[in-house]
Amino acid sequence: MAHRWRRGAEGYVVVDREDLLVRFATAIATSPVADSLSARLCHACRDLAGSDAAAITVSYTSASRVTLCATDEISGRLEDLQDVVGEGPGRAASESGRIEVCPVGRAGEGRWSHFDEAAQGLVESAVLHAVPMRPEGKVFGVLTLYQT
């Protein structure tokens, strides 16, 4: 889905917002009703972005931090790992309000060396995109997309 986003002065922006919203709403509406809303949102974001996995975490840097959904075990464990080591793209996106990108398993390329080293125990190589969720301007949580 890279063609629907472009990098501008204010970060990444959606180029075709209406089409994306229709596809997003359709993905949620056609997902299993038995799944929680957070699971349906997470799976829809993963599928629309063309990622391998995704996780949604709210209140990222507070004591009430909670991962609402992870599409698989590894994405959930990578999300928890950021909380344990105190660094990573999700934490940075929550603090900066910008999309953060983290290559895992590429020595010397990442900003979060402790997270990268620990993450390699879970996944040999991946790229994580942490996207802040900002309703009304304030970061509420982070959608993290994982691509192996």
Protein backbone atom coordinates (compact mmCIF):
# COMPACT_ATOMS: atom_id res chain seq x y z
CA MET A 1 0.00 0.00 0.00
CA ALA A 2 3.04 2.26 -0.30
CA HIS A 3 1.47 4.09 -3.26
CA ARG A 4 -1.31 5.52 -1.07
CA TRP A 5 1.07 7.39 1.21
CA ARG A 6 3.55 10.12 0.45
CA ARG A 7 6.10 11.80 2.64
CA GLY A 8 5.48 15.49 3.09
CA ALA A 9 6.84 18.25 5.29
CA GLU A 10 4.56 17.08 8.12
CA GLY A 11 5.41 13.37 7.80
CA TYR A 12 3.48 10.71 5.91
CA VAL A 13 0.08 11.75 4.55
CA VAL A 14 -2.68 9.78 2.88
CA VAL A 15 -3.02 10.54 -0.81
CA ASP A 16 -6.42 8.93 -1.48
CA ARG A 17 -8.21 9.17 1.87
CA GLU A 18 -11.75 8.33 0.68
CA ASP A 19 -10.71 5.09 -1.03
CA LEU A 20 -8.66 4.07 1.98
CA LEU A 21 -11.56 4.73 4.37
CA VAL A 22 -13.97 2.70 2.21
CA ARG A 23 -11.52 -0.21 2.07
CA PHE A 24 -10.90 0.04 5.83
CA ALA A 25 -14.61 0.10 6.70
CA THR A 26 -15.26 -2.82 4.34
CA ALA A 27 -12.44 -4.86 5.90
CA ILE A 28 -13.83 -4.29 9.39
CA ALA A 29 -17.43 -4.95 8.36
CA THR A 30 -16.58 -8.24 6.66
CA SER A 31 -14.34 -9.56 9.44
CA PRO A 32 -15.69 -12.19 11.87
CA VAL A 33 -18.22 -10.64 14.27
CA ALA A 34 -16.90 -12.89 17.04
CA ASP A 35 -13.58 -10.99 16.97
CA SER A 36 -13.23 -7.95 19.22
CA LEU A 37 -13.34 -4.53 17.59
CA SER A 38 -9.65 -4.00 18.39
CA ALA A 39 -8.79 -7.32 16.69
CA ARG A 40 -10.82 -6.37 13.62
CA LEU A 41 -9.11 -2.96 13.47
CA CYS A 42 -5.68 -4.51 13.87
CA HIS A 43 -6.22 -7.14 11.18
CA ALA A 44 -7.69 -4.55 8.78
CA CYS A 45 -4.68 -2.26 9.25
CA ARG A 46 -2.28 -5.15 8.71
CA ASP A 47 -4.06 -6.25 5.53
CA LEU A 48 -4.44 -2.77 4.03
CA ALA A 49 -0.79 -1.95 4.73
CA GLY A 50 0.37 -5.25 3.25
CA SER A 51 2.26 -6.12 6.43
CA ASP A 52 2.92 -9.54 7.89
CA ALA A 53 1.67 -8.65 11.37
CA ALA A 54 0.42 -5.75 13.47
CA ALA A 55 -0.26 -4.69 17.04
CA ILE A 56 -2.26 -1.88 18.63
CA THR A 57 -1.07 -0.51 21.97
CA VAL A 58 -2.68 2.38 23.86
CA SER A 59 -1.29 4.62 26.60
CA TYR A 60 2.13 3.56 25.37
CA THR A 61 4.36 5.40 27.82
CA SER A 62 2.14 5.33 30.90
CA ALA A 63 1.65 2.80 33.66
CA SER A 64 -1.75 1.92 32.15
CA ARG A 65 -0.11 0.81 28.86
CA VAL A 66 -1.96 -2.09 27.24
CA THR A 67 -1.66 -3.96 23.97
CA LEU A 68 -5.24 -4.30 22.75
CA CYS A 69 -4.45 -6.66 19.90
CA ALA A 70 -1.60 -8.42 18.17
CA THR A 71 -2.22 -10.39 14.99
CA ASP A 72 0.25 -13.10 15.98
CA GLU A 73 2.43 -14.20 18.89
CA ILE A 74 5.63 -12.60 17.61
CA SER A 75 4.06 -9.17 17.09
CA GLY A 76 2.70 -9.33 20.64
CA ARG A 77 6.07 -10.35 22.04
CA LEU A 78 7.88 -7.59 20.11
CA GLU A 79 5.38 -5.10 21.49
CA ASP A 80 5.95 -6.30 25.06
CA LEU A 81 9.71 -6.26 24.52
CA GLN A 82 9.63 -2.52 23.89
CA ASP A 83 8.02 -2.05 27.29
CA VAL A 84 10.61 -4.26 29.00
CA VAL A 85 13.72 -2.65 27.45
CA GLY A 86 12.24 0.86 27.58
CA GLU A 87 12.95 1.72 23.95
CA GLY A 88 11.83 0.97 20.43
CA PRO A 89 9.84 2.43 17.57
CA GLY A 90 6.47 2.24 19.35
CA ARG A 91 7.69 4.15 22.38
CA ALA A 92 9.41 6.71 20.11
CA ALA A 93 6.26 7.17 17.96
CA SER A 94 4.19 7.67 21.08
CA GLU A 95 6.57 10.35 22.34
CA SER A 96 7.32 12.09 19.01
CA GLY A 97 3.90 11.82 17.37
CA ARG A 98 5.63 10.78 14.14
CA ILE A 99 5.93 7.49 12.24
CA GLU A 100 9.07 5.68 13.39
CA VAL A 101 10.83 2.95 11.41
CA CYS A 102 13.05 0.28 12.93
CA PRO A 103 15.06 -2.31 11.01
CA VAL A 104 15.68 -5.40 13.16
CA GLY A 105 18.73 -7.57 12.48
CA ARG A 106 20.74 -5.02 10.53
CA ALA A 107 23.71 -4.30 12.77
CA GLY A 108 24.38 -0.63 13.32
CA GLU A 109 21.36 0.65 11.38
CA GLY A 110 18.90 1.05 14.25
CA ARG A 111 18.50 3.77 16.87
CA TRP A 112 17.40 1.32 19.55
CA SER A 113 20.32 -1.05 20.09
CA HIS A 114 18.91 -2.81 23.20
CA PHE A 115 15.58 -3.42 21.51
CA ASP A 116 17.24 -4.58 18.28
CA GLU A 117 19.49 -7.05 20.07
CA ALA A 118 16.63 -8.53 22.10
CA ALA A 119 14.24 -8.56 19.10
CA GLN A 120 16.67 -10.70 17.10
CA GLY A 121 15.89 -13.47 19.56
CA LEU A 122 12.31 -13.39 18.26
CA VAL A 123 12.74 -12.58 14.58
CA GLU A 124 15.92 -12.78 12.53
CA SER A 125 15.13 -9.81 10.34
CA ALA A 126 12.17 -7.45 10.04
CA VAL A 127 11.19 -3.82 9.56
CA LEU A 128 8.80 -2.28 12.08
CA HIS A 129 6.72 0.81 11.32
CA ALA A 130 5.20 2.45 14.39
CA VAL A 131 2.32 4.76 13.49
CA PRO A 132 0.96 7.07 16.21
CA MET A 133 -2.83 7.20 16.53
CA ARG A 134 -3.82 10.83 17.13
CA PRO A 135 -7.52 11.48 17.44
CA GLU A 136 -7.95 15.17 18.21
CA GLY A 137 -4.20 15.75 17.89
CA LYS A 138 -2.97 13.96 21.01
CA VAL A 139 -1.26 10.57 20.68
CA PHE A 140 -3.65 7.98 22.08
CA GLY A 141 -1.76 4.86 21.07
CA VAL A 142 0.43 3.27 18.44
CA LEU A 143 -0.25 0.89 15.55
CA THR A 144 2.90 -1.12 14.90
CA LEU A 145 3.23 -2.92 11.56
CA TYR A 146 5.79 -5.68 11.07
CA GLN A 147 7.25 -6.73 7.73
CA THR A 148 9.67 -9.67 7.53
